[in-house]
Protein backbone atom coordinates (compact mmCIF):
# COMPACT_ATOMS: atom_id res chain seq x y z
CA MET A 1 -74.12 2.54 -9.12
CA LYS A 2 -76.37 3.08 -5.71
CA ARG A 3 -75.63 0.27 -3.50
CA ASP A 4 -77.80 -1.86 -2.12
CA THR A 5 -78.66 -1.45 1.33
CA ASN A 6 -81.17 -4.16 1.99
CA SER A 7 -78.58 -6.45 0.63
CA PRO A 8 -78.38 -9.89 2.89
CA THR A 9 -74.34 -9.66 2.15
CA PRO A 10 -71.99 -6.91 3.62
CA GLN A 11 -70.69 -4.41 1.54
CA LEU A 12 -68.93 -2.76 4.21
CA GLY A 13 -67.00 -4.03 7.24
CA ILE A 14 -66.53 -2.47 10.02
CA VAL A 15 -63.61 -2.58 12.48
CA ILE A 16 -63.40 -1.18 16.00
CA LEU A 17 -60.71 -1.58 18.38
CA ASN A 18 -60.90 -2.39 22.12
CA TYR A 19 -58.96 -1.44 24.73
CA LEU A 20 -60.38 -1.62 28.21
CA ASN A 21 -63.49 0.74 27.30
CA PHE A 22 -66.37 -1.63 26.93
CA GLU A 23 -68.55 0.09 27.45
CA ASP A 24 -68.03 3.11 24.94
CA VAL A 25 -67.89 -0.35 22.63
CA PHE A 26 -71.51 -1.58 23.83
CA GLU A 27 -72.75 2.87 22.69
CA CYS A 28 -71.29 3.05 19.79
CA ILE A 29 -72.93 -0.55 18.17
CA GLU A 30 -76.12 0.82 19.09
CA THR A 31 -76.03 3.65 17.17
CA ILE A 32 -74.43 1.56 14.40
CA LYS A 33 -77.62 -0.48 14.57
CA ASN A 34 -79.60 2.89 13.81
CA GLN A 35 -77.98 3.10 10.40
CA THR A 36 -80.30 3.28 6.94
CA LEU A 37 -77.73 0.70 5.63
CA GLN A 38 -77.68 -2.37 7.21
CA ASN A 39 -75.77 -4.54 5.41
CA TYR A 40 -72.19 -4.56 6.97
CA GLN A 41 -70.56 -6.93 9.14
CA ILE A 42 -68.49 -6.03 12.19
CA VAL A 43 -65.05 -6.92 13.66
CA ILE A 44 -64.32 -6.31 17.57
CA VAL A 45 -60.38 -6.53 18.12
CA ASP A 46 -60.05 -6.34 22.14
CA ASN A 47 -56.58 -5.00 22.18
CA ALA A 48 -55.72 -7.48 25.19
CA SER A 49 -57.37 -5.44 27.52
CA PRO A 50 -56.13 -6.42 31.25
CA ASN A 51 -60.26 -5.82 32.27
CA GLY A 52 -61.84 -8.77 31.20
CA ALA A 53 -63.46 -6.71 28.12
CA TYR A 54 -63.23 -9.47 25.59
CA GLN A 55 -65.51 -11.83 27.40
CA GLN A 56 -67.82 -8.58 28.44
CA LEU A 57 -68.16 -8.13 24.26
CA GLU A 58 -68.10 -11.75 23.66
CA ASP A 59 -70.93 -12.47 25.91
CA LYS A 60 -72.76 -9.33 24.48
CA TYR A 61 -72.41 -9.97 20.85
CA ARG A 62 -72.19 -14.30 21.08
CA SER A 63 -76.18 -14.44 19.08
CA ASP A 64 -75.25 -11.10 16.89
CA LYS A 65 -74.00 -12.55 13.23
CA LYS A 66 -73.60 -8.67 12.26
CA VAL A 67 -70.63 -9.06 15.26
CA ASP A 68 -67.29 -10.53 15.54
CA VAL A 69 -65.50 -10.45 18.36
CA ILE A 70 -61.74 -11.29 18.45
CA LYS A 71 -59.06 -10.58 21.11
CA THR A 72 -55.00 -10.29 20.13
CA ALA A 73 -52.63 -12.51 22.42
CA LYS A 74 -50.65 -9.09 23.05
CA ASN A 75 -51.39 -5.32 23.14
CA LEU A 76 -50.11 -4.37 19.75
CA GLY A 77 -50.92 -0.83 19.71
CA PHE A 78 -53.18 1.42 17.26
CA ALA A 79 -52.04 0.37 13.73
CA ARG A 80 -51.27 -3.70 14.28
CA GLY A 81 -53.84 -4.07 16.24
CA ASN A 82 -56.53 -2.19 13.71
CA ASN A 83 -54.60 -3.95 10.85
CA ILE A 84 -55.48 -7.46 12.79
CA GLY A 85 -59.52 -6.88 12.12
CA ILE A 86 -58.58 -5.44 8.35
CA LYS A 87 -57.27 -8.29 7.63
CA TYR A 88 -59.87 -10.34 9.41
CA LEU A 89 -62.57 -8.82 7.36
CA LYS A 90 -60.97 -9.64 4.00
CA GLU A 91 -60.17 -13.39 4.94
CA LYS A 92 -63.64 -14.04 5.96
CA TYR A 93 -65.71 -11.84 4.52
CA GLN A 94 -63.71 -11.02 1.32
CA LEU A 95 -64.44 -7.24 1.97
CA TYR A 96 -62.15 -4.62 0.69
CA ASN A 97 -64.09 -1.17 1.64
CA GLN A 98 -63.84 -0.94 5.36
CA LEU A 99 -64.52 1.86 8.27
CA VAL A 100 -61.70 1.59 10.75
CA ILE A 101 -63.48 3.37 14.18
CA ASN A 102 -62.34 4.55 17.38
CA ALA A 103 -64.38 2.62 20.19
CA ASP A 104 -64.88 5.96 21.44
CA THR A 105 -67.03 7.31 18.96
CA TYR A 106 -70.73 7.43 17.99
CA PHE A 107 -73.23 8.11 14.99
CA ASN A 108 -75.80 10.77 15.30
CA GLN A 109 -76.37 11.23 11.64
CA ASN A 110 -78.74 8.11 10.54
CA ASP A 111 -77.42 8.18 7.36
CA TYR A 112 -74.08 8.51 7.36
CA PHE A 113 -72.77 5.00 6.04
CA ASP A 114 -75.05 5.80 2.95
CA GLN A 115 -74.00 8.60 1.65
CA LEU A 116 -70.25 7.44 3.03
CA MET A 117 -70.86 4.04 0.46
CA ASN A 118 -72.22 5.95 -2.23
CA TYR A 119 -69.96 8.99 -3.11
CA LYS A 120 -68.32 8.51 -5.81
CA ILE A 121 -64.81 8.42 -6.20
CA ASP A 122 -62.12 6.83 -8.79
CA LYS A 123 -59.32 4.23 -8.22
CA SER A 124 -57.01 7.04 -7.17
CA CYS A 125 -58.78 7.60 -3.55
CA ALA A 126 -57.25 5.55 -0.87
CA LEU A 127 -59.32 7.07 2.06
CA ILE A 128 -62.03 8.61 3.35
CA GLY A 129 -63.04 10.86 6.34
CA THR A 130 -65.38 13.08 7.53
CA LYS A 131 -65.70 15.75 10.21
CA ILE A 132 -64.96 14.30 13.39
CA ILE A 133 -66.65 16.58 16.44
CA ASN A 134 -65.33 16.11 20.34
CA LYS A 135 -66.55 16.33 23.52
CA GLU A 136 -66.14 20.48 23.37
CA GLY A 137 -67.89 20.50 19.77
CA TYR A 138 -64.51 20.62 18.07
CA ASN A 139 -63.83 19.40 14.61
CA GLN A 140 -61.04 17.25 14.71
CA SER A 141 -60.45 16.80 11.43
CA PRO A 142 -58.35 17.07 8.83
CA LEU A 143 -55.42 17.53 10.77
CA VAL A 144 -52.08 19.69 10.46
CA SER A 145 -50.01 16.64 8.19
CA ALA A 146 -46.33 16.63 9.40
CA ILE A 147 -45.12 14.56 6.35
CA THR A 148 -41.86 17.20 4.83
CA ASP A 149 -38.76 17.66 6.32
CA SER A 150 -39.13 21.03 7.60
CA LYS A 151 -42.57 20.17 9.47
CA ILE A 152 -40.89 16.73 10.78
CA ASP A 153 -37.41 18.80 11.73
CA ALA A 154 -39.89 21.41 13.86
CA SER A 155 -41.48 18.52 15.26
CA LEU A 156 -38.90 17.17 16.77
CA ASP A 157 -36.69 19.75 18.32
CA MET A 158 -40.19 20.19 19.28
CA PHE A 159 -40.51 17.27 21.79
CA LYS A 160 -36.68 17.02 22.70
CA LYS A 161 -37.27 20.72 24.01
CA LEU A 162 -40.16 19.24 26.25
CA ILE A 163 -37.85 16.24 27.22
CA LEU A 164 -35.64 18.27 28.81
CA LYS A 165 -38.01 20.90 30.08
CA MET A 166 -39.89 18.12 31.96
CA LYS A 167 -36.77 16.74 33.66
CA ILE A 168 -36.55 20.27 35.02
CA PRO A 169 -37.86 19.85 39.15
CA ARG A 170 -41.97 20.84 38.87
CA TRP A 171 -41.09 23.52 41.73
CA ILE A 172 -38.16 25.71 39.72
CA ARG A 173 -40.62 25.27 36.69
CA LYS A 174 -43.42 26.94 37.82
CA LEU A 175 -41.17 29.94 39.89
CA LYS A 176 -39.58 30.52 36.59
CA ASN A 177 -42.68 30.82 34.68
CA ARG A 178 -44.01 32.85 37.01
CA ILE A 179 -41.31 35.08 36.78
CA LEU A 180 -42.05 35.16 33.17
CA ASN A 181 -45.38 35.23 33.55
CA LYS A 182 -46.04 32.55 31.18
CA LYS A 183 -48.11 28.95 31.77
CA VAL A 184 -46.35 26.03 32.59
CA LEU A 185 -46.15 24.31 29.22
CA GLU A 186 -48.07 25.72 26.24
CA LYS A 187 -50.16 23.28 24.34
CA ILE A 188 -49.43 21.87 21.15
CA GLU A 189 -50.63 20.28 17.67
CA ILE A 190 -53.98 22.46 18.14
CA PRO A 191 -54.74 23.63 15.28
CA GLN A 192 -57.35 26.34 13.69
CA GLU A 193 -60.13 23.98 12.83
CA SER A 194 -60.89 23.27 9.55
CA THR A 195 -63.02 25.74 7.48
CA ILE A 196 -63.67 23.61 4.64
CA ASP A 197 -67.10 23.50 3.52
CA LYS A 198 -67.40 21.24 0.55
CA PRO A 199 -65.46 17.61 -0.16
CA THR A 200 -61.90 18.16 -0.94
CA TYR A 201 -59.39 16.04 -1.95
CA LEU A 202 -56.44 17.23 0.44
CA ASN A 203 -52.82 18.78 -0.05
CA LEU A 204 -51.14 16.26 2.33
CA GLU A 205 -48.06 18.06 2.64
CA GLU A 206 -50.29 20.71 4.31
CA GLU A 207 -53.22 18.22 6.07
CA CYS A 208 -54.47 15.38 6.94
CA LEU A 209 -57.34 12.78 7.68
CA HIS A 210 -57.78 12.18 11.31
CA GLY A 211 -57.63 8.79 12.63
CA ALA A 212 -60.60 7.91 14.76
CA ALA A 213 -62.95 7.16 12.03
CA LEU A 214 -61.38 6.63 8.72
CA TYR A 215 -62.55 4.43 5.81
CA PHE A 216 -60.58 2.61 3.73
CA THR A 217 -61.07 1.79 0.35
CA GLU A 218 -61.06 -1.40 -1.62
CA PHE A 219 -58.96 0.47 -4.26
CA TYR A 220 -55.74 0.57 -1.48
CA LEU A 221 -57.27 -2.03 0.92
CA LYS A 222 -56.85 -4.51 -2.29
CA LYS A 223 -53.25 -3.12 -2.39
CA TYR A 224 -51.91 -2.28 1.06
CA ILE A 225 -52.23 -3.53 4.99
CA GLY A 226 -53.72 -0.47 6.43
CA PHE A 227 -52.00 1.17 8.74
CA PHE A 228 -48.28 1.80 8.98
CA PRO A 229 -47.37 -1.43 11.22
CA GLU A 230 -44.34 -0.16 12.88
CA THR A 231 -45.96 2.62 15.50
CA PHE A 232 -47.68 1.46 18.52
CA LEU A 233 -49.68 5.04 19.35
CA TYR A 234 -49.18 8.11 17.62
CA ARG A 235 -48.13 9.56 13.93
CA GLU A 236 -50.41 6.88 12.19
CA GLU A 237 -51.98 9.71 10.68
CA ASP A 238 -48.95 10.60 9.04
CA PHE A 239 -47.79 7.52 7.64
CA LEU A 240 -50.66 7.31 5.64
CA ALA A 241 -50.40 10.31 4.44
CA LEU A 242 -47.00 9.06 3.64
CA VAL A 243 -48.28 5.98 2.49
CA CYS A 244 -50.74 8.01 -0.15
CA GLN A 245 -47.89 10.20 -1.43
CA LYS A 246 -45.69 8.16 -2.31
CA THR A 247 -48.18 6.12 -3.90
CA LYS A 248 -49.77 8.96 -5.34
CA MET A 249 -53.34 8.13 -3.75
CA LYS A 250 -55.48 10.62 -2.11
CA GLN A 251 -57.47 11.23 0.79
CA LEU A 252 -61.14 12.87 0.79
CA TYR A 253 -62.67 14.59 2.79
CA LEU A 254 -66.37 14.88 3.31
CA PRO A 255 -67.47 17.57 5.76
CA GLN A 256 -71.69 16.83 4.71
CA LEU A 257 -70.94 14.48 7.42
CA GLU A 258 -70.29 13.74 11.06
CA ILE A 259 -69.39 11.26 13.66
CA GLN A 260 -68.93 11.84 17.60
CA HIS A 261 -65.61 11.05 19.26
CA LYS A 262 -65.69 11.66 22.85
CA GLU A 263 -61.99 12.89 23.36
CA GLY A 264 -61.20 15.93 24.51
CA ALA A 265 -59.13 18.57 22.75
CA SER A 266 -55.35 16.87 22.30
CA THR A 267 -53.82 19.60 24.87
CA ILE A 268 -50.54 18.89 27.06
CA ALA A 269 -50.21 21.22 30.12
CA ALA A 270 -48.89 20.19 33.51
CA ASP A 271 -50.46 20.67 36.63
CA GLY A 272 -48.99 18.15 38.93
CA SER A 273 -46.86 15.54 39.30
CA ASP A 274 -49.17 12.46 37.79
CA LYS A 275 -49.40 14.51 34.88
CA ASP A 276 -46.29 15.36 34.27
CA ILE A 277 -44.90 11.86 34.14
CA LYS A 278 -47.90 11.98 31.46
CA VAL A 279 -46.41 14.73 29.76
CA LYS A 280 -42.95 13.45 29.60
CA ARG A 281 -44.23 10.08 28.54
CA ARG A 282 -46.13 11.40 25.28
CA ALA A 283 -43.54 13.42 24.19
CA GLU A 284 -40.86 10.52 24.62
CA ARG A 285 -43.28 8.58 22.53
CA MET A 286 -43.77 11.15 20.27
CA TYR A 287 -40.61 12.23 19.74
CA ARG A 288 -39.56 8.25 18.97
CA GLU A 289 -42.49 8.27 16.22
CA THR A 290 -41.54 11.28 14.74
CA ARG A 291 -37.61 10.06 14.38
CA ARG A 292 -39.41 6.78 12.74
CA LEU A 293 -41.01 8.94 10.65
CA LYS A 294 -38.35 11.17 9.29
CA GLU A 295 -36.67 7.83 8.77
CA ASN A 296 -39.41 6.42 6.49
CA VAL A 297 -39.79 9.94 4.80
CA GLU A 298 -36.35 9.07 3.75
CA LEU A 299 -36.44 5.29 2.98
CA ASP A 300 -36.66 4.16 -0.56
CA ASP A 301 -40.03 4.54 -2.26
CA GLN A 302 -40.67 0.68 -2.54
CA LEU A 303 -38.67 -0.41 0.39
CA PHE A 304 -41.05 1.66 2.52
CA LEU A 305 -44.40 -0.01 0.39
CA ASP A 306 -43.12 -3.24 1.04
CA LYS A 307 -43.96 -2.73 4.55
CA MET A 308 -47.32 -1.67 3.55
CA LYS A 309 -48.03 -5.24 2.16
CA GLU A 310 -49.10 -8.53 3.70
CA LYS A 311 -46.16 -10.76 4.01
């Protein structure tokens, strides 16, 4: 049944998690207002930004009935911050079809919501994703997933080596790499751009949807809270793939739709001491979250899924 795009009752919930970059949120919402489907309700979750972002957002949207602004008491990270918004839309508006998007995304395709909401799916579909085009014009979705034992172990080994490498003084690393005629650090996690050209249910042991824009279906949100709540940053997509695998639910990729993402390609390249610190911190976080992923892959299915339910 085609949805009524002019109904006054919201049919689509939209969660936008903000940390610091309120001007990106302004731009994102301006493009949302150009959508052909307008029966949506937005909640902006400010993740305890220390720069006054919440007040800027509250002032901007105080009189806009389609936009609610809430804030967290502290920075909860990506997963739990978004889950606050998901829960808010469920409880206040009884919305269980929700599009969760990064603050630095925007829409050029004005019928994106319309096509997304009217695509026929069955009850086994948990999540829908689309093309996510970054500032270089590269499609970031789907991602290579890492929920098999071999991929998890390879990731742990890679990040452990990177952490150890970053403990070596930079001048020694530069000298060594000059001798070997290699770059200081190699790019990691840069898969080939997807060649999928038609609607496809993903093989979750190979790939999963990118987290910058995810449509959670009612079939999923009536059972589960949204994102796996124990991560702070990184591996959220892999945990969602794991949830789907354990519940035998599916992730659908729709390449005919696209959203723009200001973030650039995900690379690690050391080019100075400040970047060295960032590289080391990211590698340490990725290592911790990958260890957490390994533990949950091995966990009893029911114990794992209990973490995904409202307490």
